[in-house]
Amino acid sequence: MFWFTSGTVPIKIRMKEVTQTKTESTQTKTELKRVMKEMANRFIDTKLDDIPPEEWARSLRHYLEGALELKTTQASVGCLRITVECRTLEILEHLWDDYCSGHLNEVVEERLLTDEIKMRFRVESVKLTTTILQEDYLACKQFLEGTFLFLLL
């Protein structure tokens, strides 16, 4: 369970599978885990000013903050953990619909693996798993509706 201080939802992105280029088929699991770490670091470290204008629309940050109108409040490496703030119930529902339809995962896979990372790690493609827990969605929804109950342990 996630503890909410505002209308936030954690999103967890994990590597499921990596397809290497035909010339490279002997990379170790450790080397392949570096691909996920690099994608996570790129997301965390890259801001609007760091991306050429013609490439901004292809970034995951643009999709989250532009198309879904979310505010990224936290991100950490390992698997990539992104906490986003939903300012309205409508924004939360759009995020949840995008997640449930599988579209969010498609966008994450497409936008995290850059051409530079493909070349550097000799990777052709990655399969990622994007997770938003239903309990986190429901807690955020209750918060935004003003019906959130704080539990004391």
N, C-alpha and C. Protein backbone atom coordinates (compact mmCIF):
# COMPACT_ATOMS: atom_id res chain seq x y z
N MET A 1 0.85 -1.19 0.00
CA MET A 1 0.00 0.00 0.00
C MET A 1 0.88 1.24 0.00
N PHE A 2 0.45 2.26 -0.63
CA PHE A 2 1.19 3.51 -0.74
C PHE A 2 0.53 4.53 0.17
N TRP A 3 1.32 5.33 0.85
CA TRP A 3 0.79 6.37 1.74
C TRP A 3 0.67 7.66 0.97
N PHE A 4 -0.50 8.22 0.93
CA PHE A 4 -0.79 9.40 0.14
C PHE A 4 -0.70 10.67 0.98
N THR A 5 -0.03 11.65 0.45
CA THR A 5 -0.07 12.98 1.04
C THR A 5 -0.87 13.91 0.14
N SER A 6 -1.14 13.45 -1.06
CA SER A 6 -1.96 14.19 -2.02
C SER A 6 -2.50 13.17 -3.01
N GLY A 7 -3.04 13.60 -4.09
CA GLY A 7 -3.60 12.68 -5.08
C GLY A 7 -2.53 12.04 -5.94
N THR A 8 -1.69 11.19 -5.36
CA THR A 8 -0.59 10.58 -6.09
C THR A 8 -0.82 9.09 -6.33
N VAL A 9 -0.21 8.60 -7.40
CA VAL A 9 -0.29 7.19 -7.76
C VAL A 9 1.10 6.71 -8.16
N PRO A 10 1.59 5.62 -7.55
CA PRO A 10 2.88 5.08 -7.97
C PRO A 10 2.71 4.17 -9.19
N ILE A 11 3.66 4.27 -10.11
CA ILE A 11 3.70 3.43 -11.30
C ILE A 11 5.04 2.69 -11.26
N LYS A 12 5.00 1.37 -11.38
CA LYS A 12 6.22 0.58 -11.37
C LYS A 12 6.43 -0.02 -12.75
N ILE A 13 7.64 0.14 -13.29
CA ILE A 13 7.99 -0.38 -14.61
C ILE A 13 9.16 -1.34 -14.44
N ARG A 14 8.95 -2.59 -14.84
CA ARG A 14 9.98 -3.62 -14.73
C ARG A 14 10.28 -4.21 -16.10
N MET A 15 11.52 -4.69 -16.24
CA MET A 15 11.90 -5.34 -17.47
C MET A 15 11.39 -6.78 -17.45
N LYS A 16 10.73 -7.16 -18.51
CA LYS A 16 10.19 -8.50 -18.63
C LYS A 16 11.06 -9.35 -19.56
N GLU A 17 11.51 -8.76 -20.66
CA GLU A 17 12.26 -9.50 -21.67
C GLU A 17 13.08 -8.54 -22.50
N VAL A 18 14.25 -9.02 -22.94
CA VAL A 18 15.12 -8.23 -23.80
C VAL A 18 15.44 -9.05 -25.04
N THR A 19 15.31 -8.45 -26.20
CA THR A 19 15.73 -9.10 -27.44
C THR A 19 17.00 -8.40 -27.89
N GLN A 20 18.07 -9.18 -27.96
CA GLN A 20 19.35 -8.62 -28.36
C GLN A 20 19.47 -8.63 -29.88
N THR A 21 20.39 -7.81 -30.37
CA THR A 21 20.64 -7.83 -31.80
C THR A 21 21.24 -9.18 -32.17
N LYS A 22 21.13 -9.55 -33.42
CA LYS A 22 21.61 -10.87 -33.87
C LYS A 22 23.10 -11.07 -33.64
N THR A 23 23.86 -10.00 -33.65
CA THR A 23 25.31 -10.12 -33.46
C THR A 23 25.69 -10.33 -32.00
N GLU A 24 24.78 -10.01 -31.09
CA GLU A 24 25.07 -10.15 -29.66
C GLU A 24 24.06 -11.07 -29.01
N SER A 25 24.49 -12.25 -28.64
CA SER A 25 23.56 -13.17 -27.98
C SER A 25 24.14 -13.73 -26.69
N THR A 26 25.23 -13.15 -26.22
CA THR A 26 25.88 -13.71 -25.03
C THR A 26 26.00 -12.72 -23.88
N GLN A 27 25.22 -11.67 -23.88
CA GLN A 27 25.29 -10.72 -22.77
C GLN A 27 24.73 -11.37 -21.51
N THR A 28 25.34 -11.05 -20.38
CA THR A 28 24.90 -11.62 -19.11
C THR A 28 23.66 -10.90 -18.60
N LYS A 29 23.00 -11.52 -17.61
CA LYS A 29 21.82 -10.89 -17.01
C LYS A 29 22.19 -9.55 -16.39
N THR A 30 23.37 -9.47 -15.80
CA THR A 30 23.82 -8.22 -15.19
C THR A 30 23.93 -7.13 -16.23
N GLU A 31 24.49 -7.47 -17.39
CA GLU A 31 24.60 -6.48 -18.46
C GLU A 31 23.23 -6.05 -18.96
N LEU A 32 22.31 -6.98 -19.04
CA LEU A 32 20.98 -6.65 -19.51
C LEU A 32 20.20 -5.83 -18.49
N LYS A 33 20.45 -6.03 -17.20
CA LYS A 33 19.81 -5.22 -16.17
C LYS A 33 20.27 -3.77 -16.28
N ARG A 34 21.47 -3.58 -16.81
CA ARG A 34 21.96 -2.22 -17.00
C ARG A 34 21.10 -1.46 -18.00
N VAL A 35 20.46 -2.17 -18.93
CA VAL A 35 19.57 -1.53 -19.89
C VAL A 35 18.42 -0.85 -19.15
N MET A 36 17.79 -1.57 -18.22
CA MET A 36 16.68 -1.00 -17.45
C MET A 36 17.16 0.17 -16.60
N LYS A 37 18.32 0.00 -15.99
CA LYS A 37 18.87 1.07 -15.16
C LYS A 37 19.14 2.32 -16.01
N GLU A 38 19.67 2.13 -17.20
CA GLU A 38 19.96 3.26 -18.08
C GLU A 38 18.67 3.95 -18.52
N MET A 39 17.64 3.16 -18.87
CA MET A 39 16.37 3.76 -19.27
C MET A 39 15.78 4.55 -18.09
N ALA A 40 15.86 3.99 -16.89
CA ALA A 40 15.34 4.68 -15.70
C ALA A 40 16.11 5.97 -15.45
N ASN A 41 17.43 5.90 -15.52
CA ASN A 41 18.25 7.10 -15.30
C ASN A 41 17.95 8.17 -16.33
N ARG A 42 17.76 7.77 -17.59
CA ARG A 42 17.43 8.74 -18.63
C ARG A 42 16.12 9.45 -18.31
N PHE A 43 15.12 8.68 -17.86
CA PHE A 43 13.84 9.30 -17.52
C PHE A 43 14.01 10.28 -16.37
N ILE A 44 14.74 9.87 -15.34
CA ILE A 44 14.90 10.70 -14.14
C ILE A 44 15.70 11.96 -14.44
N ASP A 45 16.79 11.81 -15.19
CA ASP A 45 17.73 12.91 -15.39
C ASP A 45 17.35 13.86 -16.53
N THR A 46 16.49 13.45 -17.42
CA THR A 46 16.19 14.25 -18.59
C THR A 46 15.02 15.19 -18.33
N LYS A 47 15.26 16.44 -18.60
CA LYS A 47 14.23 17.48 -18.47
C LYS A 47 13.96 18.08 -19.85
N LEU A 48 12.94 18.87 -19.96
CA LEU A 48 12.54 19.48 -21.23
C LEU A 48 13.71 20.18 -21.91
N ASP A 49 14.52 20.91 -21.16
CA ASP A 49 15.63 21.66 -21.75
C ASP A 49 16.72 20.76 -22.33
N ASP A 50 16.76 19.48 -21.90
CA ASP A 50 17.79 18.55 -22.35
C ASP A 50 17.46 17.86 -23.66
N ILE A 51 16.23 17.98 -24.12
CA ILE A 51 15.77 17.23 -25.29
C ILE A 51 15.56 18.19 -26.46
N PRO A 52 16.09 17.84 -27.63
CA PRO A 52 15.81 18.68 -28.81
C PRO A 52 14.29 18.75 -29.02
N PRO A 53 13.79 19.91 -29.39
CA PRO A 53 12.33 20.09 -29.55
C PRO A 53 11.67 19.04 -30.43
N GLU A 54 12.36 18.59 -31.48
CA GLU A 54 11.76 17.60 -32.38
C GLU A 54 11.64 16.21 -31.74
N GLU A 55 12.36 15.98 -30.62
CA GLU A 55 12.31 14.68 -29.96
C GLU A 55 11.47 14.70 -28.69
N TRP A 56 11.11 15.86 -28.19
CA TRP A 56 10.37 15.97 -26.93
C TRP A 56 9.06 15.19 -26.95
N ALA A 57 8.35 15.27 -28.06
CA ALA A 57 7.05 14.61 -28.15
C ALA A 57 7.17 13.09 -28.09
N ARG A 58 8.35 12.54 -28.33
CA ARG A 58 8.57 11.09 -28.26
C ARG A 58 9.01 10.61 -26.88
N SER A 59 9.14 11.52 -25.93
CA SER A 59 9.63 11.13 -24.60
C SER A 59 8.48 10.66 -23.71
N LEU A 60 8.80 9.79 -22.77
CA LEU A 60 7.81 9.31 -21.81
C LEU A 60 7.34 10.45 -20.92
N ARG A 61 8.24 11.32 -20.52
CA ARG A 61 7.87 12.45 -19.66
C ARG A 61 6.82 13.32 -20.37
N HIS A 62 7.00 13.55 -21.66
CA HIS A 62 6.02 14.34 -22.41
C HIS A 62 4.66 13.65 -22.40
N TYR A 63 4.65 12.34 -22.57
CA TYR A 63 3.38 11.62 -22.58
C TYR A 63 2.68 11.73 -21.23
N LEU A 64 3.43 11.51 -20.15
CA LEU A 64 2.83 11.57 -18.82
C LEU A 64 2.36 12.99 -18.47
N GLU A 65 3.24 13.96 -18.70
CA GLU A 65 2.94 15.32 -18.28
C GLU A 65 2.12 16.11 -19.31
N GLY A 66 2.28 15.78 -20.59
CA GLY A 66 1.55 16.49 -21.63
C GLY A 66 0.22 15.82 -21.95
N ALA A 67 0.27 14.60 -22.43
CA ALA A 67 -0.95 13.91 -22.87
C ALA A 67 -1.87 13.54 -21.71
N LEU A 68 -1.29 13.03 -20.60
CA LEU A 68 -2.12 12.59 -19.47
C LEU A 68 -2.30 13.68 -18.41
N GLU A 69 -1.59 14.80 -18.55
CA GLU A 69 -1.68 15.93 -17.62
C GLU A 69 -1.31 15.55 -16.19
N LEU A 70 -0.34 14.65 -16.04
CA LEU A 70 0.14 14.25 -14.72
C LEU A 70 1.34 15.09 -14.35
N LYS A 71 1.62 15.17 -13.07
CA LYS A 71 2.82 15.83 -12.59
C LYS A 71 3.69 14.74 -11.97
N THR A 72 4.91 14.60 -12.47
CA THR A 72 5.83 13.61 -11.92
C THR A 72 6.40 14.18 -10.63
N THR A 73 6.13 13.49 -9.50
CA THR A 73 6.61 14.00 -8.22
C THR A 73 7.83 13.24 -7.72
N GLN A 74 8.00 11.99 -8.14
CA GLN A 74 9.15 11.19 -7.74
C GLN A 74 9.46 10.18 -8.82
N ALA A 75 10.73 9.78 -8.89
CA ALA A 75 11.13 8.67 -9.75
C ALA A 75 12.39 8.08 -9.14
N SER A 76 12.50 6.77 -9.15
CA SER A 76 13.69 6.11 -8.61
C SER A 76 14.07 4.93 -9.49
N VAL A 77 15.36 4.56 -9.37
CA VAL A 77 15.95 3.51 -10.20
C VAL A 77 15.86 2.17 -9.50
N GLY A 78 16.04 1.15 -10.21
CA GLY A 78 15.98 -0.28 -9.86
C GLY A 78 15.13 -0.79 -10.99
N CYS A 79 13.93 -1.12 -10.66
CA CYS A 79 12.93 -1.05 -11.70
C CYS A 79 12.61 0.46 -11.66
N LEU A 80 12.02 1.00 -12.66
CA LEU A 80 11.70 2.43 -12.64
C LEU A 80 10.41 2.62 -11.87
N ARG A 81 10.48 3.40 -10.81
CA ARG A 81 9.29 3.73 -10.02
C ARG A 81 9.02 5.22 -10.18
N ILE A 82 7.85 5.51 -10.71
CA ILE A 82 7.46 6.89 -10.96
C ILE A 82 6.22 7.17 -10.12
N THR A 83 6.24 8.24 -9.35
CA THR A 83 5.04 8.67 -8.64
C THR A 83 4.52 9.90 -9.34
N VAL A 84 3.25 9.83 -9.70
CA VAL A 84 2.63 10.94 -10.42
C VAL A 84 1.50 11.51 -9.59
N GLU A 85 1.29 12.80 -9.73
CA GLU A 85 0.21 13.48 -9.03
C GLU A 85 -0.94 13.71 -10.00
N CYS A 86 -2.12 13.30 -9.59
CA CYS A 86 -3.34 13.52 -10.37
C CYS A 86 -4.08 14.69 -9.73
N ARG A 87 -4.16 15.80 -10.42
CA ARG A 87 -4.78 16.99 -9.85
C ARG A 87 -6.30 16.92 -9.82
N THR A 88 -6.88 16.07 -10.70
CA THR A 88 -8.33 15.96 -10.74
C THR A 88 -8.73 14.49 -10.88
N LEU A 89 -9.96 14.20 -10.56
CA LEU A 89 -10.49 12.85 -10.73
C LEU A 89 -10.48 12.46 -12.21
N GLU A 90 -10.75 13.39 -13.09
CA GLU A 90 -10.74 13.13 -14.53
C GLU A 90 -9.35 12.68 -15.00
N ILE A 91 -8.30 13.33 -14.50
CA ILE A 91 -6.94 12.96 -14.87
C ILE A 91 -6.63 11.56 -14.35
N LEU A 92 -7.02 11.26 -13.12
CA LEU A 92 -6.83 9.92 -12.56
C LEU A 92 -7.54 8.86 -13.40
N GLU A 93 -8.77 9.12 -13.77
CA GLU A 93 -9.54 8.14 -14.55
C GLU A 93 -8.91 7.93 -15.93
N HIS A 94 -8.39 8.98 -16.52
CA HIS A 94 -7.71 8.84 -17.82
C HIS A 94 -6.48 7.97 -17.66
N LEU A 95 -5.69 8.19 -16.61
CA LEU A 95 -4.51 7.36 -16.34
C LEU A 95 -4.93 5.91 -16.14
N TRP A 96 -5.95 5.66 -15.34
CA TRP A 96 -6.40 4.30 -15.04
C TRP A 96 -6.91 3.60 -16.32
N ASP A 97 -7.67 4.31 -17.13
CA ASP A 97 -8.15 3.73 -18.39
C ASP A 97 -6.98 3.40 -19.31
N ASP A 98 -6.01 4.29 -19.38
CA ASP A 98 -4.82 4.08 -20.20
C ASP A 98 -4.05 2.85 -19.71
N TYR A 99 -3.94 2.71 -18.40
CA TYR A 99 -3.26 1.56 -17.80
C TYR A 99 -4.02 0.26 -18.08
N CYS A 100 -5.33 0.24 -17.80
CA CYS A 100 -6.14 -0.97 -17.96
C CYS A 100 -6.21 -1.44 -19.41
N SER A 101 -6.18 -0.53 -20.35
CA SER A 101 -6.25 -0.89 -21.77
C SER A 101 -4.92 -1.44 -22.29
N GLY A 102 -3.83 -1.25 -21.54
CA GLY A 102 -2.50 -1.68 -21.99
C GLY A 102 -1.77 -0.60 -22.77
N HIS A 103 -2.46 0.50 -23.05
CA HIS A 103 -1.84 1.57 -23.83
C HIS A 103 -0.66 2.20 -23.10
N LEU A 104 -0.79 2.40 -21.79
CA LEU A 104 0.31 2.99 -21.02
C LEU A 104 1.57 2.14 -21.16
N ASN A 105 1.45 0.82 -21.04
CA ASN A 105 2.61 -0.05 -21.16
C ASN A 105 3.23 0.04 -22.56
N GLU A 106 2.40 0.11 -23.60
CA GLU A 106 2.90 0.26 -24.96
C GLU A 106 3.72 1.53 -25.11
N VAL A 107 3.21 2.62 -24.56
CA VAL A 107 3.91 3.90 -24.63
C VAL A 107 5.22 3.84 -23.85
N VAL A 108 5.19 3.23 -22.69
CA VAL A 108 6.41 3.10 -21.87
C VAL A 108 7.47 2.33 -22.64
N GLU A 109 7.11 1.19 -23.23
CA GLU A 109 8.08 0.39 -24.00
C GLU A 109 8.65 1.19 -25.17
N GLU A 110 7.79 1.88 -25.86
CA GLU A 110 8.20 2.62 -27.05
C GLU A 110 9.11 3.80 -26.71
N ARG A 111 8.84 4.48 -25.60
CA ARG A 111 9.53 5.74 -25.34
C ARG A 111 10.73 5.64 -24.41
N LEU A 112 10.84 4.56 -23.65
CA LEU A 112 12.00 4.44 -22.77
C LEU A 112 13.23 3.92 -23.51
N LEU A 113 13.04 3.03 -24.47
CA LEU A 113 14.17 2.46 -25.19
C LEU A 113 14.53 3.37 -26.37
N THR A 114 15.55 4.19 -26.16
CA THR A 114 15.97 5.13 -27.20
C THR A 114 16.92 4.44 -28.17
N ASP A 115 17.12 5.05 -29.33
CA ASP A 115 18.06 4.52 -30.31
C ASP A 115 19.47 4.46 -29.72
N GLU A 116 19.83 5.45 -28.93
CA GLU A 116 21.15 5.48 -28.31
C GLU A 116 21.35 4.28 -27.37
N ILE A 117 20.35 3.97 -26.57
CA ILE A 117 20.44 2.82 -25.66
C ILE A 117 20.49 1.53 -26.46
N LYS A 118 19.71 1.43 -27.53
CA LYS A 118 19.74 0.23 -28.38
C LYS A 118 21.16 -0.01 -28.91
N MET A 119 21.78 1.03 -29.41
CA MET A 119 23.13 0.90 -29.97
C MET A 119 24.14 0.59 -28.88
N ARG A 120 24.08 1.31 -27.79
CA ARG A 120 25.06 1.17 -26.72
C ARG A 120 25.05 -0.23 -26.10
N PHE A 121 23.86 -0.79 -25.92
CA PHE A 121 23.75 -2.09 -25.27
C PHE A 121 23.47 -3.22 -26.27
N ARG A 122 23.45 -2.89 -27.56
CA ARG A 122 23.20 -3.87 -28.61
C ARG A 122 21.90 -4.64 -28.35
N VAL A 123 20.85 -3.87 -28.13
CA VAL A 123 19.53 -4.41 -27.83
C VAL A 123 18.59 -4.02 -28.96
N GLU A 124 17.81 -4.97 -29.41
CA GLU A 124 16.83 -4.71 -30.47
C GLU A 124 15.52 -4.21 -29.90
N SER A 125 15.04 -4.85 -28.82
CA SER A 125 13.77 -4.44 -28.22
C SER A 125 13.73 -4.88 -26.76
N VAL A 126 12.80 -4.30 -26.01
CA VAL A 126 12.55 -4.71 -24.63
C VAL A 126 11.05 -4.88 -24.43
N LYS A 127 10.70 -5.79 -23.58
CA LYS A 127 9.32 -5.94 -23.13
C LYS A 127 9.32 -5.52 -21.67
N LEU A 128 8.44 -4.59 -21.35
CA LEU A 128 8.35 -4.08 -19.99
C LEU A 128 6.98 -4.39 -19.41
N THR A 129 6.92 -4.43 -18.11
CA THR A 129 5.65 -4.59 -17.41
C THR A 129 5.41 -3.34 -16.60
N THR A 130 4.33 -2.65 -16.86
CA THR A 130 3.96 -1.44 -16.14
C THR A 130 2.82 -1.79 -15.18
N THR A 131 2.99 -1.42 -13.91
CA THR A 131 2.00 -1.79 -12.91
C THR A 131 1.52 -0.58 -12.12
N ILE A 132 0.21 -0.46 -12.01
CA ILE A 132 -0.44 0.46 -11.07
C ILE A 132 -1.36 -0.42 -10.24
N LEU A 133 -1.14 -0.46 -8.94
CA LEU A 133 -1.98 -1.29 -8.09
C LEU A 133 -3.37 -0.69 -7.97
N GLN A 134 -4.38 -1.56 -8.01
CA GLN A 134 -5.76 -1.10 -7.91
C GLN A 134 -6.00 -0.40 -6.57
N GLU A 135 -5.37 -0.89 -5.51
CA GLU A 135 -5.56 -0.26 -4.20
C GLU A 135 -5.00 1.16 -4.18
N ASP A 136 -3.91 1.40 -4.91
CA ASP A 136 -3.36 2.75 -4.99
C ASP A 136 -4.29 3.65 -5.81
N TYR A 137 -4.83 3.12 -6.90
CA TYR A 137 -5.79 3.87 -7.70
C TYR A 137 -7.01 4.24 -6.86
N LEU A 138 -7.55 3.27 -6.13
CA LEU A 138 -8.75 3.52 -5.32
C LEU A 138 -8.49 4.51 -4.20
N ALA A 139 -7.31 4.41 -3.56
CA ALA A 139 -6.97 5.36 -2.50
C ALA A 139 -6.86 6.78 -3.05
N CYS A 140 -6.24 6.91 -4.23
CA CYS A 140 -6.12 8.23 -4.85
C CYS A 140 -7.51 8.75 -5.22
N LYS A 141 -8.35 7.87 -5.73
CA LYS A 141 -9.71 8.26 -6.11
C LYS A 141 -10.48 8.76 -4.89
N GLN A 142 -10.36 8.04 -3.77
CA GLN A 142 -11.03 8.47 -2.54
C GLN A 142 -10.50 9.81 -2.07
N PHE A 143 -9.19 9.99 -2.18
CA PHE A 143 -8.58 11.27 -1.79
C PHE A 143 -9.16 12.40 -2.62
N LEU A 144 -9.21 12.21 -3.94
CA LEU A 144 -9.71 13.25 -4.83
C LEU A 144 -11.20 13.51 -4.66
N GLU A 145 -11.94 12.48 -4.26
CA GLU A 145 -13.37 12.66 -3.98
C GLU A 145 -13.62 13.24 -2.59
N GLY A 146 -12.56 13.35 -1.79
CA GLY A 146 -12.70 13.87 -0.44
C GLY A 146 -13.22 12.85 0.55
N THR A 147 -13.14 11.58 0.19
CA THR A 147 -13.64 10.53 1.08
C THR A 147 -12.50 9.65 1.61
N PHE A 148 -11.26 10.11 1.49
CA PHE A 148 -10.11 9.33 1.93
C PHE A 148 -10.10 9.20 3.44
N LEU A 149 -9.97 8.00 3.93
CA LEU A 149 -9.89 7.75 5.37
C LEU A 149 -8.44 7.49 5.75
N PHE A 150 -7.94 8.20 6.72
CA PHE A 150 -6.59 7.99 7.19
C PHE A 150 -6.60 6.88 8.23
N LEU A 151 -5.76 5.89 8.01
CA LEU A 151 -5.67 4.76 8.93
C LEU A 151 -4.54 4.99 9.91
N LEU A 152 -4.81 4.82 11.17
CA LEU A 152 -3.77 4.92 12.19
C LEU A 152 -3.43 3.52 12.65
N LEU A 153 -2.15 3.21 12.65
CA LEU A 153 -1.71 1.90 13.11
C LEU A 153 -1.20 1.98 14.51
